[in-house]
Amino acid sequence: MLAAALPVFFVALGANTIWEANEAFYVETPQHMLETGDYITPYFNGLPRLNKPVLSYWIVAGLYRLFGVSVAVERLGIALGALGIIACAFVIGRTLRSTSTGLLAALIVATSPRVVVWSRRIFIDIYITLFMSIALACFLLAERYPEVRRRWLVLMYAAIGLGVLTKGPVALFFPVVVFGVWLVTEKRWRQWMTFMPGWGALIVLAIVCPWYIGLYHAHGWAPIVQFFVGENIERFAAPEFPEGRSIFFYVPVLLTDLFPWAPLLVVTLVSAWRRTGPEEDAVSASLRRLLWLWIVTIAGVFSFSQSKQDLYIFPVVAAAAALIAETIQRALDGERRTAFRVISIVTAALILPAAAAGYWLFGAGYFALAGAGAAALVLSAGAIAIITSAARGRLAAVPVLWAATFLIFNYVLVLRILPALEPLKPSAALGQLMRERGGENGNFGHYHFSLPSLSYYAGRPITELGDLENVKAFFLNDQGAWVVMTEDSFRKLRQDVSMCEVARRPMFSASLPDLAARRPPRDVLLVSNRGCDATSIR
């Protein structure tokens, strides 16, 4: 089943256009590096983008050099990163308990729909999760096999260094804090020197410093200080969303990143910190507590952050998958069978109305998506089979049915549903039209509305127009102007600026009230001072 689940990460990688900001940076910036030969300063939309370290761009640039520039090649990099996370889940599960635990942990990650979706659009969070998971796996291996401890610790510090070069100090902060607290709680803090902290610091610095030295020579201290202070400390302390997010924001995130498997974590909550369990050796019990500490620390720290994004705690998935796999195996061995059965039935029961609601929203009407009916059928049939098997006490069939149901669902999602969203994604069509109409000398802009991927599809930077005076000056250009904006902005501006609508495209909105009311999404308009006799395109 694991072998059948893995290809979904690689099929139809080019079937979807860019998923805007979360992907646009990692498609366009490496292309600029190849074209200019500047691998120190990342550029996006014609401007330096120094709010993230450089390794993600380098990875994509290397793939571009090997296979050519395309969205599919960029996503190949994400898929390979996801494959690495799955491998880490296997290693962590195997180190915790057994090879079968490792295989089940890998299958849990590989069949979780959110993991599949993120692995086709979120480059940097996949790679920070990969490197942090490698660091965790290596630490566990160093504890399980002390005779080769040095080898695993060297790899752990290398992974931490690569993580720092991917997203910054979080890749160092969490391993240091978690492993340090674990040593204290296990009453082993006097052994901290056996973990080679001096050599570890040198390895991390050797990986991280060369780029920062190059960045300093190119731009001075300002971008380095801004990254470490602004992108980390200030972002932690300043709310990102006006309405704020509750301290409990990450509870549902934790339960959905590995859905449908994640609710099984509840089975072991009451015994998470036990010294040893039935037929459990002391090392396995200690490693189990380390995995729980990893999850609790990452989720807990970000719960107190004023800036919360669901992907911030994605680095817990490999550890969570290993604990879930261990929970399933213990249930099949006779431990907490009732809790396992009840949670499986409840989770499957929740899928039935969710599948019906999904079909009601996307099975017909304006938002009808190919594959919605097949997805609802697969989920409903799987949920009924799981409820039946669990109710009859056939618990060994339950994880097989979970895996089979979501293995099939993920293929439907990737091959049918996601491509069906393309008519509701405007960037590629508008960018191509701008290139055709604007030629080499046209001026491209956007007003009070941003599509980050537009610069990639338009083939040049897109100017941000902040106010009416900017728009007036932009449209007075003799070379012609093409600007993307909303319909409301167009209605207001055309009273003062000579412009016309050239094209429009709908843009998908996941707002539940709009979906339930069958309200069409808002249109994104391309307006210009050229070709004003053009017919609007829908």
Protein backbone atom coordinates (compact mmCIF):
# COMPACT_ATOMS: atom_id res chain seq x y z
CA MET A 1 0.00 0.00 0.00
CA LEU A 2 2.89 2.36 0.71
CA ALA A 3 4.30 1.63 -2.76
CA ALA A 4 0.89 2.45 -4.24
CA ALA A 5 0.61 5.67 -2.24
CA LEU A 6 3.96 7.24 -3.17
CA PRO A 7 3.39 7.94 -6.91
CA VAL A 8 0.56 10.38 -6.10
CA PHE A 9 3.24 12.87 -5.05
CA PHE A 10 4.75 12.84 -8.56
CA VAL A 11 1.85 12.46 -11.01
CA ALA A 12 0.46 15.44 -12.94
CA LEU A 13 2.87 17.90 -11.33
CA GLY A 14 2.34 20.41 -14.12
CA ALA A 15 -1.43 20.06 -14.32
CA ASN A 16 -2.06 23.07 -12.08
CA THR A 17 -0.88 26.64 -12.37
CA ILE A 18 0.97 28.28 -9.49
CA TRP A 19 -0.79 28.47 -6.12
CA GLU A 20 0.05 32.17 -5.69
CA ALA A 21 2.25 33.47 -2.85
CA ASN A 22 3.08 30.15 -1.22
CA GLU A 23 4.57 28.86 -4.45
CA ALA A 24 5.21 31.87 -6.68
CA PHE A 25 8.41 32.90 -4.87
CA TYR A 26 10.02 29.49 -5.35
CA VAL A 27 9.17 29.29 -9.06
CA GLU A 28 10.32 32.73 -10.17
CA THR A 29 13.27 33.57 -7.90
CA PRO A 30 15.44 30.56 -8.92
CA GLN A 31 14.78 31.40 -12.56
CA HIS A 32 16.18 34.88 -11.94
CA MET A 33 19.26 33.31 -10.31
CA LEU A 34 19.92 31.23 -13.40
CA GLU A 35 19.45 34.18 -15.74
CA THR A 36 21.68 36.60 -13.80
CA GLY A 37 24.18 34.25 -12.15
CA ASP A 38 23.51 35.99 -8.81
CA TYR A 39 23.02 33.21 -6.27
CA ILE A 40 23.50 35.45 -3.22
CA THR A 41 20.59 37.88 -3.53
CA PRO A 42 17.13 36.38 -4.17
CA TYR A 43 14.93 38.57 -6.35
CA PHE A 44 11.18 38.40 -6.84
CA ASN A 45 9.13 40.67 -9.10
CA GLY A 46 12.27 42.67 -9.85
CA LEU A 47 13.06 43.46 -6.19
CA PRO A 48 15.35 41.80 -3.61
CA ARG A 49 13.51 39.32 -1.41
CA LEU A 50 15.64 38.91 1.70
CA ASN A 51 13.03 37.83 4.25
CA LYS A 52 13.96 34.15 3.93
CA PRO A 53 17.31 32.33 3.62
CA VAL A 54 18.44 31.01 0.29
CA LEU A 55 18.60 27.20 0.32
CA SER A 56 15.08 26.63 -1.08
CA TYR A 57 15.92 28.81 -4.07
CA TRP A 58 19.18 26.97 -4.62
CA ILE A 59 17.42 23.61 -4.63
CA VAL A 60 14.98 24.73 -7.32
CA ALA A 61 17.73 26.45 -9.30
CA GLY A 62 19.67 23.17 -9.33
CA LEU A 63 16.61 21.30 -10.58
CA TYR A 64 16.04 23.98 -13.24
CA ARG A 65 19.60 23.57 -14.44
CA LEU A 66 19.12 19.79 -14.71
CA PHE A 67 15.62 19.61 -16.17
CA GLY A 68 14.70 23.07 -17.44
CA VAL A 69 12.50 25.84 -16.03
CA SER A 70 8.89 24.89 -15.39
CA VAL A 71 6.32 24.68 -12.63
CA ALA A 72 6.46 20.88 -12.82
CA VAL A 73 10.21 20.89 -12.15
CA GLU A 74 9.78 23.17 -9.13
CA ARG A 75 7.13 20.80 -7.81
CA LEU A 76 9.44 17.87 -8.37
CA GLY A 77 11.57 19.48 -5.67
CA ILE A 78 8.60 19.69 -3.29
CA ALA A 79 7.65 16.07 -3.99
CA LEU A 80 11.19 14.90 -3.26
CA GLY A 81 11.07 16.81 0.02
CA ALA A 82 7.78 15.10 0.90
CA LEU A 83 9.34 11.74 0.09
CA GLY A 84 12.09 12.61 2.54
CA ILE A 85 9.54 13.36 5.28
CA ILE A 86 7.88 10.00 4.64
CA ALA A 87 11.29 8.32 4.92
CA CYS A 88 11.88 10.13 8.22
CA ALA A 89 8.54 8.88 9.53
CA PHE A 90 9.67 5.35 8.68
CA VAL A 91 13.02 5.78 10.45
CA ILE A 92 11.42 7.35 13.53
CA GLY A 93 8.75 4.64 13.76
CA ARG A 94 11.29 1.87 13.25
CA THR A 95 13.61 3.34 15.88
CA LEU A 96 10.73 3.76 18.30
CA ARG A 97 9.34 0.23 18.06
CA SER A 98 9.82 -1.93 14.95
CA THR A 99 10.09 -2.02 11.17
CA SER A 100 6.33 -2.57 10.84
CA THR A 101 5.76 0.55 12.98
CA GLY A 102 8.02 2.47 10.65
CA LEU A 103 6.19 1.26 7.54
CA LEU A 104 2.84 2.15 9.07
CA ALA A 105 4.12 5.60 10.09
CA ALA A 106 5.30 6.20 6.52
CA LEU A 107 1.93 5.06 5.16
CA ILE A 108 0.13 7.43 7.54
CA VAL A 109 2.07 10.42 6.20
CA ALA A 110 1.76 9.29 2.57
CA THR A 111 -2.04 8.88 2.69
CA SER A 112 -2.93 12.09 4.57
CA PRO A 113 -4.65 14.48 2.11
CA ARG A 114 -3.25 17.67 3.64
CA VAL A 115 0.27 16.32 3.28
CA VAL A 116 -0.44 15.52 -0.38
CA VAL A 117 -1.82 19.01 -1.03
CA TRP A 118 1.03 20.82 0.78
CA SER A 119 3.52 18.66 -1.13
CA ARG A 120 2.35 20.18 -4.40
CA ARG A 121 2.44 23.86 -3.40
CA ILE A 122 4.40 24.72 -0.21
CA PHE A 123 8.12 24.48 -0.90
CA ILE A 124 9.77 26.11 2.11
CA ASP A 125 7.58 24.47 4.79
CA ILE A 126 8.07 21.04 3.25
CA TYR A 127 11.84 21.51 3.40
CA ILE A 128 12.02 22.94 6.92
CA THR A 129 9.87 19.97 7.98
CA LEU A 130 12.23 17.62 6.15
CA PHE A 131 15.41 18.96 7.77
CA MET A 132 13.90 19.16 11.26
CA SER A 133 12.55 15.60 10.85
CA ILE A 134 16.01 14.40 9.78
CA ALA A 135 17.50 16.06 12.87
CA LEU A 136 14.92 14.34 15.10
CA ALA A 137 15.44 10.95 13.42
CA CYS A 138 19.22 11.20 13.77
CA PHE A 139 18.93 12.07 17.46
CA LEU A 140 16.75 9.01 18.02
CA LEU A 141 19.20 6.83 16.12
CA ALA A 142 22.08 8.18 18.21
CA GLU A 143 20.17 7.15 21.34
CA ARG A 144 19.11 3.76 20.02
CA TYR A 145 22.56 2.88 18.67
CA PRO A 146 25.13 4.58 20.94
CA GLU A 147 27.98 2.59 19.39
CA VAL A 148 27.63 4.75 16.24
CA ARG A 149 26.41 7.88 18.02
CA ARG A 150 29.00 10.19 16.44
CA ARG A 151 27.85 9.37 12.88
CA TRP A 152 24.22 10.19 13.62
CA LEU A 153 25.07 13.35 15.54
CA VAL A 154 27.15 14.69 12.66
CA LEU A 155 24.20 14.09 10.30
CA MET A 156 21.85 15.70 12.84
CA TYR A 157 23.92 18.89 13.01
CA ALA A 158 24.18 18.97 9.22
CA ALA A 159 20.39 18.74 8.98
CA ILE A 160 20.03 21.56 11.53
CA GLY A 161 22.41 23.72 9.49
CA LEU A 162 20.46 23.06 6.30
CA GLY A 163 17.25 23.89 8.15
CA VAL A 164 18.69 27.22 9.33
CA LEU A 165 19.69 27.99 5.75
CA THR A 166 16.14 27.14 4.68
CA LYS A 167 14.01 29.11 7.13
CA GLY A 168 16.16 30.51 9.88
CA PRO A 169 16.82 30.02 13.60
CA VAL A 170 13.66 27.96 14.28
CA ALA A 171 15.52 24.97 12.83
CA LEU A 172 18.12 25.34 15.57
CA PHE A 173 15.89 26.60 18.38
CA PHE A 174 13.48 23.68 18.57
CA PRO A 175 16.01 20.81 18.45
CA VAL A 176 18.17 22.52 21.10
CA VAL A 177 15.21 23.22 23.38
CA VAL A 178 13.49 19.86 22.93
CA PHE A 179 16.63 17.76 23.26
CA GLY A 180 17.82 19.86 26.21
CA VAL A 181 14.53 19.62 28.09
CA TRP A 182 14.43 15.88 27.36
CA LEU A 183 17.88 15.40 28.87
CA VAL A 184 16.75 17.27 31.99
CA THR A 185 13.47 15.36 32.37
CA GLU A 186 15.27 12.07 31.81
CA LYS A 187 17.80 13.11 34.49
CA ARG A 188 20.64 12.88 32.01
CA TRP A 189 21.63 16.53 31.76
CA ARG A 190 25.18 15.75 32.90
CA GLN A 191 25.64 13.82 29.64
CA TRP A 192 25.13 16.85 27.42
CA MET A 193 28.80 16.92 26.39
CA THR A 194 28.43 13.48 24.80
CA PHE A 195 26.26 15.17 22.15
CA MET A 196 29.27 17.03 20.72
CA PRO A 197 27.91 20.59 21.09
CA GLY A 198 31.20 22.17 20.05
CA TRP A 199 31.49 20.15 16.86
CA GLY A 200 27.78 20.70 16.25
CA ALA A 201 28.17 24.47 16.40
CA LEU A 202 31.07 24.32 13.93
CA ILE A 203 29.06 22.14 11.50
CA VAL A 204 26.05 24.48 11.62
CA LEU A 205 28.21 27.59 11.19
CA ALA A 206 30.12 26.01 8.29
CA ILE A 207 26.83 25.44 6.46
CA VAL A 208 25.13 28.73 7.29
CA CYS A 209 27.88 31.37 7.37
CA PRO A 210 29.12 31.40 3.74
CA TRP A 211 25.82 32.72 2.40
CA TYR A 212 25.43 35.28 5.18
CA ILE A 213 28.98 36.49 4.56
CA GLY A 214 28.14 36.89 0.86
CA LEU A 215 24.91 38.67 1.78
CA TYR A 216 26.79 41.04 4.08
CA HIS A 217 29.29 41.91 1.34
CA ALA A 218 26.42 42.61 -1.07
CA HIS A 219 24.02 44.49 1.21
CA GLY A 220 25.61 45.13 4.60
CA TRP A 221 24.04 44.32 7.96
CA ALA A 222 20.56 45.72 7.29
CA PRO A 223 18.91 42.66 5.67
CA ILE A 224 20.55 40.29 8.17
CA VAL A 225 19.32 42.28 11.16
CA GLN A 226 15.89 42.68 9.58
CA PHE A 227 15.61 38.93 9.05
CA PHE A 228 16.64 37.83 12.52
CA VAL A 229 14.73 40.60 14.32
CA GLY A 230 11.84 41.45 12.00
CA GLU A 231 11.08 38.03 10.51
CA ASN A 232 11.51 36.13 13.77
CA ILE A 233 11.21 38.14 16.99
CA GLU A 234 8.86 40.87 15.74
CA ARG A 235 6.75 38.43 13.76
CA PHE A 236 6.39 36.24 16.86
CA ALA A 237 5.27 39.26 18.91
CA ALA A 238 3.08 41.07 16.36
CA PRO A 239 -0.34 39.73 15.25
CA GLU A 240 -0.51 38.90 11.55
CA PHE A 241 -4.30 38.87 11.35
CA PRO A 242 -6.45 41.76 12.62
CA GLU A 243 -8.94 39.42 14.31
CA GLY A 244 -6.18 37.48 16.06
CA ARG A 245 -6.09 33.73 16.55
CA SER A 246 -6.85 31.82 19.72
CA ILE A 247 -4.24 30.08 21.84
CA PHE A 248 -6.06 26.87 20.85
CA PHE A 249 -5.61 27.55 17.13
CA TYR A 250 -3.21 24.64 16.65
CA VAL A 251 -5.41 21.98 18.24
CA PRO A 252 -7.55 21.46 15.11
CA VAL A 253 -4.46 21.91 12.93
CA LEU A 254 -2.73 19.09 14.79
CA LEU A 255 -5.79 16.88 14.34
CA THR A 256 -6.15 17.59 10.61
CA ASP A 257 -2.59 17.62 9.24
CA LEU A 258 -2.60 13.82 9.46
CA PHE A 259 -6.34 13.30 9.13
CA PRO A 260 -7.92 10.73 9.25
CA TRP A 261 -5.19 9.22 11.43
CA ALA A 262 -4.48 12.09 13.83
CA PRO A 263 -7.47 11.63 16.19
CA LEU A 264 -5.83 8.37 17.31
CA LEU A 265 -3.25 10.48 19.16
CA VAL A 266 -5.94 10.98 21.79
CA VAL A 267 -5.71 7.26 22.66
CA THR A 268 -2.26 7.67 24.16
CA LEU A 269 -2.63 11.09 25.77
CA VAL A 270 -3.36 9.66 29.20
CA SER A 271 -0.20 7.54 29.12
CA ALA A 272 2.05 9.78 27.05
CA TRP A 273 4.59 10.34 29.85
CA ARG A 274 4.56 6.88 31.44
CA ARG A 275 7.97 5.51 32.37
CA THR A 276 7.45 2.20 30.54
CA GLY A 277 4.48 0.40 29.07
CA PRO A 278 3.62 -3.28 28.77
CA GLU A 279 6.43 -5.12 26.97
CA GLU A 280 8.18 -1.80 26.34
CA ASP A 281 11.92 -1.44 26.95
CA ALA A 282 13.29 1.60 28.74
CA VAL A 283 14.90 3.07 25.62
CA SER A 284 11.65 2.90 23.63
CA ALA A 285 9.73 4.54 26.49
CA SER A 286 12.31 7.31 26.68
CA LEU A 287 12.15 7.90 22.90
CA ARG A 288 8.35 7.96 23.04
CA ARG A 289 8.50 10.74 25.62
CA LEU A 290 10.95 12.60 23.38
CA LEU A 291 8.49 12.47 20.45
CA TRP A 292 5.68 13.79 22.61
CA LEU A 293 7.95 16.55 23.88
CA TRP A 294 8.79 17.45 20.26
CA ILE A 295 5.10 17.80 19.40
CA VAL A 296 4.09 19.65 22.56
CA THR A 297 7.01 22.09 22.42
CA ILE A 298 6.55 23.09 18.78
CA ALA A 299 2.77 23.41 19.05
CA GLY A 300 3.01 25.08 22.47
CA VAL A 301 5.58 27.72 21.51
CA PHE A 302 3.68 28.76 18.40
CA SER A 303 0.41 28.80 20.35
CA PHE A 304 1.80 31.77 22.28
CA SER A 305 2.96 33.48 19.10
CA GLN A 306 0.91 36.48 18.01
CA SER A 307 1.48 35.43 14.41
CA LYS A 308 -0.04 32.02 13.73
CA GLN A 309 -0.02 30.06 10.49
CA ASP A 310 -1.16 26.45 10.29
CA LEU A 311 2.07 25.37 8.58
CA TYR A 312 4.22 26.58 11.48
CA ILE A 313 3.69 23.27 13.30
CA PHE A 314 4.01 21.07 10.21
CA PRO A 315 7.44 19.80 11.44
CA VAL A 316 5.60 17.58 13.98
CA VAL A 317 4.07 15.30 11.33
CA ALA A 318 6.79 12.61 11.23
CA ALA A 319 6.86 12.32 15.04
CA ALA A 320 3.06 12.30 15.24
CA ALA A 321 2.85 9.60 12.54
CA ALA A 322 5.25 7.36 14.48
CA LEU A 323 3.20 7.74 17.68
CA ILE A 324 -0.04 7.04 15.81
CA ALA A 325 1.51 3.93 14.22
CA GLU A 326 2.62 2.73 17.66
CA THR A 327 -0.89 3.37 19.01
CA ILE A 328 -2.44 1.27 16.24
CA GLN A 329 -0.05 -1.60 16.82
CA ARG A 330 -0.65 -1.54 20.56
CA ALA A 331 -4.40 -1.62 19.97
CA LEU A 332 -4.03 -4.62 17.68
CA ASP A 333 -1.91 -6.27 20.40
CA GLY A 334 -4.76 -5.82 22.87
CA GLU A 335 -3.95 -2.50 24.59
CA ARG A 336 -6.72 0.17 24.67
CA ARG A 337 -8.76 -1.63 22.02
CA THR A 338 -12.00 0.03 23.11
CA ALA A 339 -10.58 3.55 22.75
CA PHE A 340 -9.14 2.67 19.35
CA ARG A 341 -12.49 1.26 18.21
CA VAL A 342 -14.53 4.24 19.46
CA ILE A 343 -12.26 6.88 17.94
CA SER A 344 -12.20 5.01 14.62
CA ILE A 345 -16.00 4.83 14.54
CA VAL A 346 -16.44 8.49 15.51
CA THR A 347 -13.90 9.68 12.93
CA ALA A 348 -15.48 7.59 10.18
CA ALA A 349 -18.94 8.80 11.19
CA LEU A 350 -17.80 12.41 10.79
CA ILE A 351 -16.59 11.66 7.27
CA LEU A 352 -20.07 10.71 6.07
CA PRO A 353 -21.71 14.16 6.46
CA ALA A 354 -18.46 15.80 5.31
CA ALA A 355 -18.54 13.76 2.07
CA ALA A 356 -22.21 14.65 1.56
CA ALA A 357 -21.50 18.34 2.17
CA GLY A 358 -18.58 18.26 -0.25
CA TYR A 359 -20.73 16.76 -2.97
CA TRP A 360 -23.51 19.29 -2.29
CA LEU A 361 -21.06 22.19 -2.61
CA PHE A 362 -18.98 20.94 -5.54
CA GLY A 363 -21.05 18.29 -7.28
CA ALA A 364 -23.18 20.67 -9.33
CA GLY A 365 -23.72 24.34 -10.09
CA TYR A 366 -21.19 27.08 -10.70
CA PHE A 367 -18.55 25.45 -8.51
CA ALA A 368 -19.01 21.95 -9.93
CA LEU A 369 -15.69 20.12 -9.92
CA ALA A 370 -14.86 17.00 -11.87
CA GLY A 371 -14.26 14.17 -9.45
CA ALA A 372 -16.44 15.54 -6.65
CA GLY A 373 -18.91 12.68 -6.98
CA ALA A 374 -16.17 10.04 -7.12
CA ALA A 375 -14.47 11.53 -4.06
CA ALA A 376 -17.73 11.55 -2.09
CA LEU A 377 -18.42 7.94 -3.08
CA VAL A 378 -14.94 6.75 -2.07
CA LEU A 379 -15.08 8.52 1.29
CA SER A 380 -18.59 7.31 2.07
CA ALA A 381 -17.87 3.70 1.13
CA GLY A 382 -14.65 3.72 3.13
CA ALA A 383 -16.30 5.27 6.18
CA ILE A 384 -19.12 2.72 6.16
CA ALA A 385 -16.63 -0.16 5.83
CA ILE A 386 -14.56 1.21 8.74
CA ILE A 387 -17.60 1.65 10.99
CA THR A 388 -18.78 -1.87 10.18
CA SER A 389 -15.38 -3.46 10.77
CA ALA A 390 -14.74 -1.58 14.01
CA ALA A 391 -18.23 -2.30 15.36
CA ARG A 392 -17.75 -6.02 14.70
CA GLY A 393 -14.36 -5.99 16.43
CA ARG A 394 -12.33 -6.60 13.26
CA LEU A 395 -9.75 -4.00 14.28
CA ALA A 396 -6.97 -5.33 12.07
CA ALA A 397 -9.01 -4.30 9.03
CA VAL A 398 -9.46 -0.70 10.23
CA PRO A 399 -6.00 0.75 9.40
CA VAL A 400 -6.04 -1.11 6.08
CA LEU A 401 -9.40 0.46 5.21
CA TRP A 402 -8.25 3.92 6.30
CA ALA A 403 -5.17 3.65 4.08
CA ALA A 404 -7.08 2.25 1.10
CA THR A 405 -9.83 4.89 1.32
CA PHE A 406 -7.51 7.86 1.38
CA LEU A 407 -5.04 6.36 -1.05
CA ILE A 408 -7.83 6.27 -3.64
CA PHE A 409 -9.18 9.66 -2.55
CA ASN A 410 -5.77 11.29 -3.00
CA TYR A 411 -5.53 10.07 -6.60
CA VAL A 412 -9.01 11.45 -7.32
CA LEU A 413 -7.97 14.73 -5.69
CA VAL A 414 -4.77 15.07 -7.70
CA LEU A 415 -5.96 13.78 -11.07
CA ARG A 416 -9.50 15.16 -11.16
CA ILE A 417 -10.38 17.75 -8.54
CA LEU A 418 -7.30 20.00 -8.50
CA PRO A 419 -7.12 20.32 -12.32
CA ALA A 420 -10.83 21.20 -12.30
CA LEU A 421 -10.00 24.35 -10.30
CA GLU A 422 -7.96 25.81 -13.15
CA PRO A 423 -10.78 27.89 -14.71
CA LEU A 424 -11.03 29.68 -11.34
CA LYS A 425 -7.32 30.60 -11.20
CA PRO A 426 -6.73 33.79 -13.22
CA SER A 427 -2.96 34.36 -13.18
CA ALA A 428 -1.83 32.21 -16.12
CA ALA A 429 -4.53 33.45 -18.50
CA LEU A 430 -4.13 37.12 -17.59
CA GLY A 431 -0.34 36.92 -17.62
CA GLN A 432 -0.33 35.36 -21.08
CA LEU A 433 -2.73 38.01 -22.35
CA MET A 434 -0.52 40.78 -20.94
CA ARG A 435 2.48 39.34 -22.76
CA GLU A 436 0.54 39.11 -26.03
CA ARG A 437 -0.98 42.60 -25.82
CA GLY A 438 1.90 44.43 -24.12
CA GLY A 439 4.77 42.99 -26.11
CA GLU A 440 8.29 43.84 -25.01
CA ASN A 441 7.66 47.46 -24.04
CA GLY A 442 4.25 47.47 -22.36
CA ASN A 443 3.93 48.48 -18.73
CA PHE A 444 2.36 45.95 -16.36
CA GLY A 445 0.89 46.76 -12.96
CA HIS A 446 -1.61 45.84 -10.29
CA TYR A 447 -3.78 48.10 -8.18
CA HIS A 448 -4.98 47.21 -4.66
CA PHE A 449 -4.97 43.56 -5.65
CA SER A 450 -2.05 41.23 -5.93
CA LEU A 451 -1.49 37.98 -7.79
CA PRO A 452 2.10 37.08 -6.87
CA SER A 453 2.41 34.55 -9.68
CA LEU A 454 1.48 37.13 -12.31
CA SER A 455 5.08 38.28 -12.79
CA TYR A 456 6.08 34.70 -13.65
CA TYR A 457 3.34 34.30 -16.26
CA ALA A 458 3.70 37.85 -17.61
CA GLY A 459 7.45 37.36 -17.93
CA ARG A 460 8.43 40.62 -16.23
CA PRO A 461 7.97 42.57 -12.97
CA ILE A 462 4.52 43.89 -12.09
CA THR A 463 4.46 47.45 -10.71
CA GLU A 464 2.43 48.05 -7.57
CA LEU A 465 0.22 51.12 -7.96
CA GLY A 466 -0.61 52.50 -4.55
CA ASP A 467 -2.98 55.42 -5.21
CA LEU A 468 -4.91 57.32 -7.85
CA GLU A 469 -1.99 59.56 -8.80
CA ASN A 470 0.19 56.50 -9.44
CA VAL A 471 -2.50 55.05 -11.68
CA LYS A 472 -2.90 58.30 -13.65
CA ALA A 473 0.82 58.56 -14.28
CA PHE A 474 1.05 54.87 -15.20
CA PHE A 475 -1.71 55.14 -17.82
CA LEU A 476 -0.16 58.22 -19.43
CA ASN A 477 2.80 56.12 -20.60
CA ASP A 478 3.15 56.06 -24.38
CA GLN A 479 4.08 52.36 -24.44
CA GLY A 480 0.67 51.32 -23.14
CA ALA A 481 -0.40 50.11 -19.71
CA TRP A 482 -2.02 46.87 -18.60
CA VAL A 483 -3.18 46.70 -14.98
CA VAL A 484 -4.88 43.98 -12.93
CA MET A 485 -7.51 45.10 -10.43
CA THR A 486 -10.90 44.22 -8.99
CA GLU A 487 -14.17 45.26 -10.60
CA ASP A 488 -14.91 47.69 -7.75
CA SER A 489 -11.58 49.44 -8.30
CA PHE A 490 -12.21 49.63 -12.04
CA ARG A 491 -15.59 51.30 -11.52
CA LYS A 492 -14.07 53.94 -9.25
CA LEU A 493 -10.98 54.65 -11.32
CA ARG A 494 -12.53 54.93 -14.77
CA GLN A 495 -14.20 58.16 -13.70
CA ASP A 496 -10.75 59.78 -13.51
CA VAL A 497 -8.58 57.63 -15.79
CA SER A 498 -9.03 56.74 -19.43
CA MET A 499 -9.07 52.94 -19.41
CA CYS A 500 -11.14 50.04 -20.58
CA GLU A 501 -11.71 46.45 -19.65
CA VAL A 502 -9.65 44.07 -21.76
CA ALA A 503 -10.41 40.78 -20.03
CA ARG A 504 -11.76 39.30 -16.85
CA ARG A 505 -11.39 36.00 -15.05
CA PRO A 506 -13.13 34.56 -12.02
CA MET A 507 -11.04 33.84 -8.95
CA PHE A 508 -11.97 30.96 -6.66
CA SER A 509 -12.95 31.93 -3.13
CA ALA A 510 -13.23 29.27 -0.47
CA SER A 511 -15.66 31.36 1.58
CA LEU A 512 -18.25 28.94 2.93
CA PRO A 513 -21.14 31.47 2.84
CA ASP A 514 -20.43 32.21 -0.83
CA LEU A 515 -20.24 28.51 -1.66
CA ALA A 516 -23.44 27.69 0.22
CA ALA A 517 -25.31 30.57 -1.43
CA ARG A 518 -23.97 29.55 -4.85
CA ARG A 519 -22.61 33.06 -5.32
CA PRO A 520 -20.12 33.21 -8.21
CA PRO A 521 -16.61 34.32 -7.24
CA ARG A 522 -15.51 37.87 -7.82
CA ASP A 523 -13.88 38.66 -11.13
CA VAL A 524 -10.34 39.87 -11.60
CA LEU A 525 -10.07 42.43 -14.41
CA LEU A 526 -7.28 43.29 -16.79
CA VAL A 527 -7.68 46.93 -17.87
CA SER A 528 -5.66 48.96 -20.34
CA ASN A 529 -5.36 52.19 -22.30
CA ARG A 530 -4.82 50.12 -25.45
CA GLY A 531 -7.22 47.91 -27.38
CA CYS A 532 -10.28 49.47 -25.83
CA ASP A 533 -12.49 47.91 -28.43
CA ALA A 534 -11.55 44.46 -27.11
CA THR A 535 -14.32 42.17 -26.06
CA SER A 536 -14.28 41.08 -22.45
CA ILE A 537 -13.24 37.48 -22.09
CA ARG A 538 -14.83 35.12 -19.62
